Amino acid sequence: MTEDREESLDRRRAELGAKLSAKRVSAPEDDAKEASAEASRKGFAAAMKLSSEFISAIVVGGALGFGLDWVAGTSPWGLIVLLLLGFCAGVLNVLRASGKMAQPFSDDRNNSGR
């Protein structure tokens, strides 16, 4: 009975070793897939951040323009002007966040004059 048990353990150990060696061979493929998925997630997160900054600037400009028109009675000029300013602010925020435009007052420029 103990011999059957030992044979069974040896057989299962051999099967497990074969499965582990097959898994080790496929691990670099899994790592490459995971790296690709991570890059995709980072890109999606950046796209969501940029789009939310752009849309929020437009919404805030429109809301302030509507409020100004309602209080001052200058309809529709406040809405038009502040909506356009909100659009410009949104474009500026997206350009700054994506790195296409430098920050207006960086620390390097302020400290270099001293």
PDB file of N, CA and C in Angstrom:
ATOM      1  N   MET A   1       0.810  -1.188   0.000  1.00  0.00           N
ATOM      2  CA  MET A   1       0.000   0.000   0.000  1.00  0.00           C
ATOM      3  C   MET A   1       0.859   1.259   0.000  1.00  0.00           C
ATOM      4  N   THR A   2       1.950   1.241   0.751  1.00  0.00           N
ATOM      5  CA  THR A   2       2.815   2.412   0.775  1.00  0.00           C
ATOM      6  C   THR A   2       3.534   2.589  -0.555  1.00  0.00           C
ATOM      7  N   GLU A   3       3.792   1.458  -1.252  1.00  0.00           N
ATOM      8  CA  GLU A   3       4.434   1.567  -2.561  1.00  0.00           C
ATOM      9  C   GLU A   3       3.502   2.236  -3.558  1.00  0.00           C
ATOM     10  N   ASP A   4       2.201   1.906  -3.523  1.00  0.00           N
ATOM     11  CA  ASP A   4       1.236   2.538  -4.407  1.00  0.00           C
ATOM     12  C   ASP A   4       1.140   4.029  -4.106  1.00  0.00           C
ATOM     13  N   ARG A   5       1.191   4.326  -2.842  1.00  0.00           N
ATOM     14  CA  ARG A   5       1.104   5.723  -2.432  1.00  0.00           C
ATOM     15  C   ARG A   5       2.336   6.492  -2.906  1.00  0.00           C
ATOM     16  N   GLU A   6       3.510   5.915  -2.772  1.00  0.00           N
ATOM     17  CA  GLU A   6       4.739   6.570  -3.219  1.00  0.00           C
ATOM     18  C   GLU A   6       4.749   6.718  -4.740  1.00  0.00           C
ATOM     19  N   GLU A   7       4.278   5.712  -5.446  1.00  0.00           N
ATOM     20  CA  GLU A   7       4.206   5.795  -6.908  1.00  0.00           C
ATOM     21  C   GLU A   7       3.237   6.900  -7.323  1.00  0.00           C
ATOM     22  N   SER A   8       2.135   6.983  -6.614  1.00  0.00           N
ATOM     23  CA  SER A   8       1.151   8.029  -6.903  1.00  0.00           C
ATOM     24  C   SER A   8       1.752   9.413  -6.648  1.00  0.00           C
ATOM     25  N   LEU A   9       2.484   9.552  -5.550  1.00  0.00           N
ATOM     26  CA  LEU A   9       3.133  10.838  -5.246  1.00  0.00           C
ATOM     27  C   LEU A   9       4.198  11.179  -6.284  1.00  0.00           C
ATOM     28  N   ASP A  10       4.987  10.176  -6.699  1.00  0.00           N
ATOM     29  CA  ASP A  10       6.007  10.417  -7.722  1.00  0.00           C
ATOM     30  C   ASP A  10       5.364  10.827  -9.051  1.00  0.00           C
ATOM     31  N   ARG A  11       4.283  10.162  -9.399  1.00  0.00           N
ATOM     32  CA  ARG A  11       3.592  10.494 -10.649  1.00  0.00           C
ATOM     33  C   ARG A  11       3.034  11.918 -10.585  1.00  0.00           C
ATOM     34  N   ARG A  12       2.409  12.281  -9.471  1.00  0.00           N
ATOM     35  CA  ARG A  12       1.858  13.634  -9.336  1.00  0.00           C
ATOM     36  C   ARG A  12       2.965  14.679  -9.295  1.00  0.00           C
ATOM     37  N   ARG A  13       4.104  14.348  -8.665  1.00  0.00           N
ATOM     38  CA  ARG A  13       5.237  15.266  -8.630  1.00  0.00           C
ATOM     39  C   ARG A  13       5.779  15.492 -10.042  1.00  0.00           C
ATOM     40  N   ALA A  14       5.854  14.427 -10.834  1.00  0.00           N
ATOM     41  CA  ALA A  14       6.328  14.557 -12.216  1.00  0.00           C
ATOM     42  C   ALA A  14       5.364  15.400 -13.044  1.00  0.00           C
ATOM     43  N   GLU A  15       4.051  15.181 -12.855  1.00  0.00           N
ATOM     44  CA  GLU A  15       3.055  15.991 -13.575  1.00  0.00           C
ATOM     45  C   GLU A  15       3.162  17.459 -13.183  1.00  0.00           C
ATOM     46  N   LEU A  16       3.332  17.700 -11.903  1.00  0.00           N
ATOM     47  CA  LEU A  16       3.469  19.079 -11.422  1.00  0.00           C
ATOM     48  C   LEU A  16       4.727  19.731 -11.970  1.00  0.00           C
ATOM     49  N   GLY A  17       5.829  18.983 -12.022  1.00  0.00           N
ATOM     50  CA  GLY A  17       7.060  19.521 -12.599  1.00  0.00           C
ATOM     51  C   GLY A  17       6.895  19.853 -14.068  1.00  0.00           C
ATOM     52  N   ALA A  18       6.172  19.026 -14.802  1.00  0.00           N
ATOM     53  CA  ALA A  18       5.929  19.304 -16.219  1.00  0.00           C
ATOM     54  C   ALA A  18       5.073  20.545 -16.386  1.00  0.00           C
ATOM     55  N   LYS A  19       4.057  20.682 -15.548  1.00  0.00           N
ATOM     56  CA  LYS A  19       3.193  21.866 -15.627  1.00  0.00           C
ATOM     57  C   LYS A  19       3.973  23.132 -15.280  1.00  0.00           C
ATOM     58  N   LEU A  20       4.823  23.041 -14.257  1.00  0.00           N
ATOM     59  CA  LEU A  20       5.622  24.217 -13.869  1.00  0.00           C
ATOM     60  C   LEU A  20       6.603  24.618 -14.959  1.00  0.00           C
ATOM     61  N   SER A  21       7.234  23.652 -15.590  1.00  0.00           N
ATOM     62  CA  SER A  21       8.177  23.990 -16.657  1.00  0.00           C
ATOM     63  C   SER A  21       7.443  24.592 -17.850  1.00  0.00           C
ATOM     64  N   ALA A  22       6.245  24.122 -18.148  1.00  0.00           N
ATOM     65  CA  ALA A  22       5.462  24.720 -19.237  1.00  0.00           C
ATOM     66  C   ALA A  22       5.037  26.137 -18.877  1.00  0.00           C
ATOM     67  N   LYS A  23       4.721  26.352 -17.623  1.00  0.00           N
ATOM     68  CA  LYS A  23       4.318  27.687 -17.171  1.00  0.00           C
ATOM     69  C   LYS A  23       5.493  28.658 -17.217  1.00  0.00           C
ATOM     70  N   ARG A  24       6.678  28.196 -16.881  1.00  0.00           N
ATOM     71  CA  ARG A  24       7.868  29.054 -16.923  1.00  0.00           C
ATOM     72  C   ARG A  24       8.191  29.466 -18.344  1.00  0.00           C
ATOM     73  N   VAL A  25       7.910  28.619 -19.303  1.00  0.00           N
ATOM     74  CA  VAL A  25       8.160  28.959 -20.703  1.00  0.00           C
ATOM     75  C   VAL A  25       7.175  30.022 -21.172  1.00  0.00           C
ATOM     76  N   SER A  26       5.922  29.940 -20.715  1.00  0.00           N
ATOM     77  CA  SER A  26       4.916  30.900 -21.159  1.00  0.00           C
ATOM     78  C   SER A  26       4.919  32.182 -20.336  1.00  0.00           C
ATOM     79  N   ALA A  27       5.692  32.263 -19.262  1.00  0.00           N
ATOM     80  CA  ALA A  27       5.718  33.446 -18.407  1.00  0.00           C
ATOM     81  C   ALA A  27       6.202  34.700 -19.145  1.00  0.00           C
ATOM     82  N   PRO A  28       7.249  34.647 -19.991  1.00  0.00           N
ATOM     83  CA  PRO A  28       7.631  35.864 -20.709  1.00  0.00           C
ATOM     84  C   PRO A  28       6.529  36.383 -21.631  1.00  0.00           C
ATOM     85  N   GLU A  29       5.748  35.486 -22.206  1.00  0.00           N
ATOM     86  CA  GLU A  29       4.631  35.922 -23.040  1.00  0.00           C
ATOM     87  C   GLU A  29       3.594  36.653 -22.188  1.00  0.00           C
ATOM     88  N   ASP A  30       3.326  36.123 -21.012  1.00  0.00           N
ATOM     89  CA  ASP A  30       2.373  36.763 -20.110  1.00  0.00           C
ATOM     90  C   ASP A  30       2.891  38.121 -19.653  1.00  0.00           C
ATOM     91  N   ASP A  31       4.195  38.221 -19.389  1.00  0.00           N
ATOM     92  CA  ASP A  31       4.772  39.502 -18.976  1.00  0.00           C
ATOM     93  C   ASP A  31       4.650  40.538 -20.085  1.00  0.00           C
ATOM     94  N   ALA A  32       4.863  40.122 -21.322  1.00  0.00           N
ATOM     95  CA  ALA A  32       4.735  41.048 -22.453  1.00  0.00           C
ATOM     96  C   ALA A  32       3.291  41.511 -22.609  1.00  0.00           C
ATOM     97  N   LYS A  33       2.349  40.601 -22.431  1.00  0.00           N
ATOM     98  CA  LYS A  33       0.933  40.971 -22.523  1.00  0.00           C
ATOM     99  C   LYS A  33       0.557  41.931 -21.405  1.00  0.00           C
ATOM    100  N   GLU A  34       1.073  41.676 -20.214  1.00  0.00           N
ATOM    101  CA  GLU A  34       0.776  42.542 -19.075  1.00  0.00           C
ATOM    102  C   GLU A  34       1.375  43.939 -19.274  1.00  0.00           C
ATOM    103  N   ALA A  35       2.576  44.015 -19.825  1.00  0.00           N
ATOM    104  CA  ALA A  35       3.198  45.317 -20.093  1.00  0.00           C
ATOM    105  C   ALA A  35       2.398  46.086 -21.139  1.00  0.00           C
ATOM    106  N   SER A  36       1.915  45.395 -22.143  1.00  0.00           N
ATOM    107  CA  SER A  36       1.098  46.034 -23.172  1.00  0.00           C
ATOM    108  C   SER A  36      -0.220  46.538 -22.580  1.00  0.00           C
ATOM    109  N   ALA A  37      -0.824  45.732 -21.728  1.00  0.00           N
ATOM    110  CA  ALA A  37      -2.074  46.142 -21.090  1.00  0.00           C
ATOM    111  C   ALA A  37      -1.846  47.332 -20.161  1.00  0.00           C
ATOM    112  N   GLU A  38      -0.724  47.354 -19.468  1.00  0.00           N
ATOM    113  CA  GLU A  38      -0.408  48.470 -18.573  1.00  0.00           C
ATOM    114  C   GLU A  38      -0.237  49.766 -19.367  1.00  0.00           C
ATOM    115  N   ALA A  39       0.434  49.694 -20.501  1.00  0.00           N
ATOM    116  CA  ALA A  39       0.600  50.884 -21.343  1.00  0.00           C
ATOM    117  C   ALA A  39      -0.743  51.359 -21.866  1.00  0.00           C
ATOM    118  N   SER A  40      -1.604  50.432 -22.198  1.00  0.00           N
ATOM    119  CA  SER A  40      -2.930  50.791 -22.686  1.00  0.00           C
ATOM    120  C   SER A  40      -3.746  51.468 -21.586  1.00  0.00           C
ATOM    121  N   ARG A  41      -3.654  50.952 -20.366  1.00  0.00           N
ATOM    122  CA  ARG A  41      -4.381  51.561 -19.254  1.00  0.00           C
ATOM    123  C   ARG A  41      -3.867  52.960 -18.952  1.00  0.00           C
ATOM    124  N   LYS A  42      -2.550  53.148 -19.032  1.00  0.00           N
ATOM    125  CA  LYS A  42      -1.993  54.485 -18.783  1.00  0.00           C
ATOM    126  C   LYS A  42      -2.458  55.472 -19.846  1.00  0.00           C
ATOM    127  N   GLY A  43      -2.499  55.032 -21.093  1.00  0.00           N
ATOM    128  CA  GLY A  43      -2.975  55.898 -22.166  1.00  0.00           C
ATOM    129  C   GLY A  43      -4.432  56.268 -21.994  1.00  0.00           C
ATOM    130  N   PHE A  44      -5.243  55.296 -21.584  1.00  0.00           N
ATOM    131  CA  PHE A  44      -6.663  55.568 -21.359  1.00  0.00           C
ATOM    132  C   PHE A  44      -6.849  56.540 -20.206  1.00  0.00           C
ATOM    133  N   ALA A  45      -6.073  56.381 -19.146  1.00  0.00           N
ATOM    134  CA  ALA A  45      -6.174  57.284 -18.000  1.00  0.00           C
ATOM    135  C   ALA A  45      -5.783  58.708 -18.387  1.00  0.00           C
ATOM    136  N   ALA A  46      -4.739  58.836 -19.188  1.00  0.00           N
ATOM    137  CA  ALA A  46      -4.327  60.172 -19.632  1.00  0.00           C
ATOM    138  C   ALA A  46      -5.390  60.806 -20.524  1.00  0.00           C
ATOM    139  N   ALA A  47      -5.998  60.015 -21.384  1.00  0.00           N
ATOM    140  CA  ALA A  47      -7.047  60.532 -22.259  1.00  0.00           C
ATOM    141  C   ALA A  47      -8.261  60.984 -21.453  1.00  0.00           C
ATOM    142  N   MET A  48      -8.624  60.226 -20.444  1.00  0.00           N
ATOM    143  CA  MET A  48      -9.759  60.613 -19.595  1.00  0.00           C
ATOM    144  C   MET A  48      -9.451  61.893 -18.818  1.00  0.00           C
ATOM    145  N   LYS A  49      -8.214  62.030 -18.353  1.00  0.00           N
ATOM    146  CA  LYS A  49      -7.832  63.236 -17.612  1.00  0.00           C
ATOM    147  C   LYS A  49      -7.896  64.464 -18.509  1.00  0.00           C
ATOM    148  N   LEU A  50      -7.342  64.346 -19.709  1.00  0.00           N
ATOM    149  CA  LEU A  50      -7.332  65.485 -20.622  1.00  0.00           C
ATOM    150  C   LEU A  50      -8.745  65.865 -21.052  1.00  0.00           C
ATOM    151  N   SER A  51      -9.564  64.879 -21.360  1.00  0.00           N
ATOM    152  CA  SER A  51     -10.920  65.192 -21.806  1.00  0.00           C
ATOM    153  C   SER A  51     -11.753  65.787 -20.674  1.00  0.00           C
ATOM    154  N   SER A  52     -11.574  65.309 -19.455  1.00  0.00           N
ATOM    155  CA  SER A  52     -12.336  65.875 -18.342  1.00  0.00           C
ATOM    156  C   SER A  52     -11.900  67.309 -18.046  1.00  0.00           C
ATOM    157  N   GLU A  53     -10.610  67.599 -18.168  1.00  0.00           N
ATOM    158  CA  GLU A  53     -10.154  68.980 -17.967  1.00  0.00           C
ATOM    159  C   GLU A  53     -10.734  69.907 -19.027  1.00  0.00           C
ATOM    160  N   PHE A  54     -10.762  69.445 -20.249  1.00  0.00           N
ATOM    161  CA  PHE A  54     -11.282  70.261 -21.349  1.00  0.00           C
ATOM    162  C   PHE A  54     -12.774  70.524 -21.171  1.00  0.00           C
ATOM    163  N   ILE A  55     -13.532  69.477 -20.904  1.00  0.00           N
ATOM    164  CA  ILE A  55     -14.979  69.620 -20.773  1.00  0.00           C
ATOM    165  C   ILE A  55     -15.341  70.443 -19.543  1.00  0.00           C
ATOM    166  N   SER A  56     -14.639  70.261 -18.439  1.00  0.00           N
ATOM    167  CA  SER A  56     -14.964  71.022 -17.233  1.00  0.00           C
ATOM    168  C   SER A  56     -14.699  72.509 -17.425  1.00  0.00           C
ATOM    169  N   ALA A  57     -13.661  72.874 -18.150  1.00  0.00           N
ATOM    170  CA  ALA A  57     -13.398  74.299 -18.399  1.00  0.00           C
ATOM    171  C   ALA A  57     -14.520  74.921 -19.218  1.00  0.00           C
ATOM    172  N   ILE A  58     -15.029  74.202 -20.204  1.00  0.00           N
ATOM    173  CA  ILE A  58     -16.126  74.717 -21.027  1.00  0.00           C
ATOM    174  C   ILE A  58     -17.403  74.840 -20.199  1.00  0.00           C
ATOM    175  N   VAL A  59     -17.691  73.837 -19.375  1.00  0.00           N
ATOM    176  CA  VAL A  59     -18.902  73.864 -18.553  1.00  0.00           C
ATOM    177  C   VAL A  59     -18.851  75.005 -17.539  1.00  0.00           C
ATOM    178  N   VAL A  60     -17.697  75.191 -16.917  1.00  0.00           N
ATOM    179  CA  VAL A  60     -17.573  76.287 -15.940  1.00  0.00           C
ATOM    180  C   VAL A  60     -17.722  77.633 -16.628  1.00  0.00           C
ATOM    181  N   GLY A  61     -17.110  77.809 -17.787  1.00  0.00           N
ATOM    182  CA  GLY A  61     -17.257  79.070 -18.527  1.00  0.00           C
ATOM    183  C   GLY A  61     -18.697  79.318 -18.922  1.00  0.00           C
ATOM    184  N   GLY A  62     -19.385  78.296 -19.383  1.00  0.00           N
ATOM    185  CA  GLY A  62     -20.789  78.456 -19.758  1.00  0.00           C
ATOM    186  C   GLY A  62     -21.664  78.768 -18.561  1.00  0.00           C
ATOM    187  N   ALA A  63     -21.421  78.107 -17.436  1.00  0.00           N
ATOM    188  CA  ALA A  63     -22.223  78.358 -16.240  1.00  0.00           C
ATOM    189  C   ALA A  63     -22.000  79.774 -15.709  1.00  0.00           C
ATOM    190  N   LEU A  64     -20.745  80.213 -15.708  1.00  0.00           N
ATOM    191  CA  LEU A  64     -20.473  81.593 -15.261  1.00  0.00           C
ATOM    192  C   LEU A  64     -21.094  82.613 -16.207  1.00  0.00           C
ATOM    193  N   GLY A  65     -21.040  82.352 -17.499  1.00  0.00           N
ATOM    194  CA  GLY A  65     -21.657  83.258 -18.472  1.00  0.00           C
ATOM    195  C   GLY A  65     -23.164  83.318 -18.314  1.00  0.00           C
ATOM    196  N   PHE A  66     -23.775  82.155 -18.099  1.00  0.00           N
ATOM    197  CA  PHE A  66     -25.218  82.120 -17.883  1.00  0.00           C
ATOM    198  C   PHE A  66     -25.593  82.869 -16.615  1.00  0.00           C
ATOM    199  N   GLY A  67     -24.807  82.665 -15.545  1.00  0.00           N
ATOM    200  CA  GLY A  67     -25.064  83.375 -14.298  1.00  0.00           C
ATOM    201  C   GLY A  67     -24.894  84.879 -14.452  1.00  0.00           C
ATOM    202  N   LEU A  68     -23.871  85.292 -15.184  1.00  0.00           N
ATOM    203  CA  LEU A  68     -23.666  86.719 -15.423  1.00  0.00           C
ATOM    204  C   LEU A  68     -24.821  87.309 -16.213  1.00  0.00           C
ATOM    205  N   ASP A  69     -25.277  86.602 -17.221  1.00  0.00           N
ATOM    206  CA  ASP A  69     -26.429  87.081 -18.005  1.00  0.00           C
ATOM    207  C   ASP A  69     -27.682  87.168 -17.147  1.00  0.00           C
ATOM    208  N   TRP A  70     -27.870  86.211 -16.266  1.00  0.00           N
ATOM    209  CA  TRP A  70     -29.065  86.199 -15.438  1.00  0.00           C
ATOM    210  C   TRP A  70     -29.043  87.354 -14.435  1.00  0.00           C
ATOM    211  N   VAL A  71     -27.857  87.637 -13.866  1.00  0.00           N
ATOM    212  CA  VAL A  71     -27.741  88.704 -12.866  1.00  0.00           C
ATOM    213  C   VAL A  71     -27.733  90.078 -13.534  1.00  0.00           C
ATOM    214  N   ALA A  72     -26.939  90.229 -14.598  1.00  0.00           N
ATOM    215  CA  ALA A  72     -26.762  91.547 -15.210  1.00  0.00           C
ATOM    216  C   ALA A  72     -27.764  91.824 -16.312  1.00  0.00           C
ATOM    217  N   GLY A  73     -28.444  90.809 -16.821  1.00  0.00           N
ATOM    218  CA  GLY A  73     -29.418  91.009 -17.888  1.00  0.00           C
ATOM    219  C   GLY A  73     -28.777  91.316 -19.229  1.00  0.00           C
ATOM    220  N   THR A  74     -27.602  90.777 -19.477  1.00  0.00           N
ATOM    221  CA  THR A  74     -26.892  91.047 -20.731  1.00  0.00           C
ATOM    222  C   THR A  74     -26.999  89.887 -21.706  1.00  0.00           C
ATOM    223  N   SER A  75     -28.072  89.134 -21.638  1.00  0.00           N
ATOM    224  CA  SER A  75     -28.237  87.929 -22.450  1.00  0.00           C
ATOM    225  C   SER A  75     -28.087  88.243 -23.928  1.00  0.00           C
ATOM    226  N   PRO A  76     -27.440  87.467 -24.684  1.00  0.00           N
ATOM    227  CA  PRO A  76     -26.621  86.271 -24.552  1.00  0.00           C
ATOM    228  C   PRO A  76     -25.134  86.568 -24.541  1.00  0.00           C
ATOM    229  N   TRP A  77     -24.733  87.819 -24.366  1.00  0.00           N
ATOM    230  CA  TRP A  77     -23.328  88.190 -24.528  1.00  0.00           C
ATOM    231  C   TRP A  77     -22.417  87.610 -23.454  1.00  0.00           C
ATOM    232  N   GLY A  78     -22.834  87.582 -22.237  1.00  0.00           N
ATOM    233  CA  GLY A  78     -22.005  87.004 -21.177  1.00  0.00           C
ATOM    234  C   GLY A  78     -21.771  85.523 -21.396  1.00  0.00           C
ATOM    235  N   LEU A  79     -22.823  84.824 -21.826  1.00  0.00           N
ATOM    236  CA  LEU A  79     -22.694  83.398 -22.097  1.00  0.00           C
ATOM    237  C   LEU A  79     -21.731  83.155 -23.249  1.00  0.00           C
ATOM    238  N   ILE A  80     -21.854  83.930 -24.308  1.00  0.00           N
ATOM    239  CA  ILE A  80     -20.983  83.742 -25.478  1.00  0.00           C
ATOM    240  C   ILE A  80     -19.532  84.013 -25.118  1.00  0.00           C
ATOM    241  N   VAL A  81     -19.281  85.138 -24.466  1.00  0.00           N
ATOM    242  CA  VAL A  81     -17.901  85.520 -24.152  1.00  0.00           C
ATOM    243  C   VAL A  81     -17.260  84.538 -23.174  1.00  0.00           C
ATOM    244  N   LEU A  82     -17.956  84.210 -22.096  1.00  0.00           N
ATOM    245  CA  LEU A  82     -17.360  83.321 -21.104  1.00  0.00           C
ATOM    246  C   LEU A  82     -17.305  81.872 -21.592  1.00  0.00           C
ATOM    247  N   LEU A  83     -18.192  81.479 -22.489  1.00  0.00           N
ATOM    248  CA  LEU A  83     -18.094  80.150 -23.081  1.00  0.00           C
ATOM    249  C   LEU A  83     -16.848  80.064 -23.960  1.00  0.00           C
ATOM    250  N   LEU A  84     -16.573  81.101 -24.728  1.00  0.00           N
ATOM    251  CA  LEU A  84     -15.350  81.121 -25.536  1.00  0.00           C
ATOM    252  C   LEU A  84     -14.097  81.170 -24.656  1.00  0.00           C
ATOM    253  N   LEU A  85     -14.152  81.933 -23.582  1.00  0.00           N
ATOM    254  CA  LEU A  85     -13.013  81.954 -22.652  1.00  0.00           C
ATOM    255  C   LEU A  85     -12.816  80.581 -22.001  1.00  0.00           C
ATOM    256  N   GLY A  86     -13.906  79.908 -21.677  1.00  0.00           N
ATOM    257  CA  GLY A  86     -13.812  78.561 -21.119  1.00  0.00           C
ATOM    258  C   GLY A  86     -13.207  77.591 -22.116  1.00  0.00           C
ATOM    259  N   PHE A  87     -13.579  77.734 -23.389  1.00  0.00           N
ATOM    260  CA  PHE A  87     -12.989  76.884 -24.431  1.00  0.00           C
ATOM    261  C   PHE A  87     -11.482  77.132 -24.535  1.00  0.00           C
ATOM    262  N   CYS A  88     -11.090  78.395 -24.538  1.00  0.00           N
ATOM    263  CA  CYS A  88      -9.657  78.726 -24.617  1.00  0.00           C
ATOM    264  C   CYS A  88      -8.910  78.208 -23.391  1.00  0.00           C
ATOM    265  N   ALA A  89      -9.498  78.345 -22.222  1.00  0.00           N
ATOM    266  CA  ALA A  89      -8.864  77.836 -21.010  1.00  0.00           C
ATOM    267  C   ALA A  89      -8.748  76.310 -21.059  1.00  0.00           C
ATOM    268  N   GLY A  90      -9.753  75.640 -21.605  1.00  0.00           N
ATOM    269  CA  GLY A  90      -9.692  74.186 -21.737  1.00  0.00           C
ATOM    270  C   GLY A  90      -8.587  73.745 -22.674  1.00  0.00           C
ATOM    271  N   VAL A  91      -8.449  74.423 -23.801  1.00  0.00           N
ATOM    272  CA  VAL A  91      -7.378  74.095 -24.744  1.00  0.00           C
ATOM    273  C   VAL A  91      -6.014  74.338 -24.091  1.00  0.00           C
ATOM    274  N   LEU A  92      -5.880  75.431 -23.376  1.00  0.00           N
ATOM    275  CA  LEU A  92      -4.623  75.742 -22.692  1.00  0.00           C
ATOM    276  C   LEU A  92      -4.287  74.683 -21.632  1.00  0.00           C
ATOM    277  N   ASN A  93      -5.282  74.253 -20.875  1.00  0.00           N
ATOM    278  CA  ASN A  93      -5.058  73.211 -19.864  1.00  0.00           C
ATOM    279  C   ASN A  93      -4.634  71.898 -20.501  1.00  0.00           C
ATOM    280  N   VAL A  94      -5.253  71.538 -21.618  1.00  0.00           N
ATOM    281  CA  VAL A  94      -4.902  70.293 -22.295  1.00  0.00           C
ATOM    282  C   VAL A  94      -3.479  70.376 -22.839  1.00  0.00           C
ATOM    283  N   LEU A  95      -3.103  71.514 -23.415  1.00  0.00           N
ATOM    284  CA  LEU A  95      -1.745  71.664 -23.930  1.00  0.00           C
ATOM    285  C   LEU A  95      -0.715  71.604 -22.810  1.00  0.00           C
ATOM    286  N   ARG A  96      -1.012  72.212 -21.685  1.00  0.00           N
ATOM    287  CA  ARG A  96      -0.080  72.163 -20.550  1.00  0.00           C
ATOM    288  C   ARG A  96       0.035  70.755 -19.986  1.00  0.00           C
ATOM    289  N   ALA A  97      -1.094  70.083 -19.843  1.00  0.00           N
ATOM    290  CA  ALA A  97      -1.076  68.742 -19.256  1.00  0.00           C
ATOM    291  C   ALA A  97      -0.403  67.728 -20.171  1.00  0.00           C
ATOM    292  N   SER A  98      -0.526  67.911 -21.465  1.00  0.00           N
ATOM    293  CA  SER A  98       0.097  66.962 -22.387  1.00  0.00           C
ATOM    294  C   SER A  98       1.570  67.270 -22.620  1.00  0.00           C
ATOM    295  N   GLY A  99       2.052  68.396 -22.102  1.00  0.00           N
ATOM    296  CA  GLY A  99       3.465  68.721 -22.206  1.00  0.00           C
ATOM    297  C   GLY A  99       3.842  69.426 -23.493  1.00  0.00           C
ATOM    298  N   LYS A 100       2.876  69.873 -24.259  1.00  0.00           N
ATOM    299  CA  LYS A 100       3.172  70.573 -25.503  1.00  0.00           C
ATOM    300  C   LYS A 100       3.509  72.036 -25.270  1.00  0.00           C
ATOM    301  N   MET A 101       3.227  72.518 -24.064  1.00  0.00           N
ATOM    302  CA  MET A 101       3.475  73.921 -23.768  1.00  0.00           C
ATOM    303  C   MET A 101       4.088  74.008 -22.377  1.00  0.00           C
ATOM    304  N   ALA A 102       5.039  74.873 -22.193  1.00  0.00           N
ATOM    305  CA  ALA A 102       5.724  75.000 -20.903  1.00  0.00           C
ATOM    306  C   ALA A 102       4.806  75.668 -19.891  1.00  0.00           C
ATOM    307  N   GLN A 103       5.073  75.422 -18.637  1.00  0.00           N
ATOM    308  CA  GLN A 103       4.338  76.077 -17.567  1.00  0.00           C
ATOM    309  C   GLN A 103       4.693  77.557 -17.587  1.00  0.00           C
ATOM    310  N   PRO A 104       3.763  78.448 -17.255  1.00  0.00           N
ATOM    311  CA  PRO A 104       4.030  79.880 -17.382  1.00  0.00           C
ATOM    312  C   PRO A 104       5.157  80.390 -16.491  1.00  0.00           C
ATOM    313  N   PHE A 105       5.209  79.945 -15.255  1.00  0.00           N
ATOM    314  CA  PHE A 105       6.248  80.407 -14.333  1.00  0.00           C
ATOM    315  C   PHE A 105       6.895  79.189 -13.699  1.00  0.00           C
ATOM    316  N   SER A 106       7.860  78.637 -14.375  1.00  0.00           N
ATOM    317  CA  SER A 106       8.518  77.467 -13.813  1.00  0.00           C
ATOM    318  C   SER A 106       9.549  77.893 -12.791  1.00  0.00           C
ATOM    319  N   ASP A 107       9.933  76.999 -11.914  1.00  0.00           N
ATOM    320  CA  ASP A 107      10.912  77.311 -10.848  1.00  0.00           C
ATOM    321  C   ASP A 107      12.291  77.590 -11.445  1.00  0.00           C
ATOM    322  N   ASP A 108      12.615  76.944 -12.552  1.00  0.00           N
ATOM    323  CA  ASP A 108      13.934  77.150 -13.159  1.00  0.00           C
ATOM    324  C   ASP A 108      14.098  78.582 -13.621  1.00  0.00           C
ATOM    325  N   ARG A 109      13.058  79.134 -14.205  1.00  0.00           N
ATOM    326  CA  ARG A 109      13.157  80.494 -14.726  1.00  0.00           C
ATOM    327  C   ARG A 109      13.213  81.499 -13.590  1.00  0.00           C
ATOM    328  N   ASN A 110      12.487  81.230 -12.503  1.00  0.00           N
ATOM    329  CA  ASN A 110      12.505  82.154 -11.369  1.00  0.00           C
ATOM    330  C   ASN A 110      13.820  82.120 -10.602  1.00  0.00           C
ATOM    331  N   ASN A 111      14.433  80.949 -10.487  1.00  0.00           N
ATOM    332  CA  ASN A 111      15.676  80.818  -9.720  1.00  0.00           C
ATOM    333  C   ASN A 111      16.914  81.169 -10.526  1.00  0.00           C
ATOM    334  N   SER A 112      16.846  81.169 -11.846  1.00  0.00           N
ATOM    335  CA  SER A 112      18.025  81.438 -12.659  1.00  0.00           C
ATOM    336  C   SER A 112      18.425  82.913 -12.615  1.00  0.00           C
ATOM    337  N   GLY A 113      17.480  83.814 -12.310  1.00  0.00           N
ATOM    338  CA  GLY A 113      17.792  85.237 -12.279  1.00  0.00           C
ATOM    339  C   GLY A 113      18.458  85.661 -11.002  1.00  0.00           C
ATOM    340  N   ARG A 114      18.535  84.799 -10.026  1.00  0.00           N
ATOM    341  CA  ARG A 114      19.092  85.173  -8.712  1.00  0.00           C
ATOM    342  C   ARG A 114      20.545  84.925  -8.616  1.00  0.00           C
TER     343      ARG A 114
END
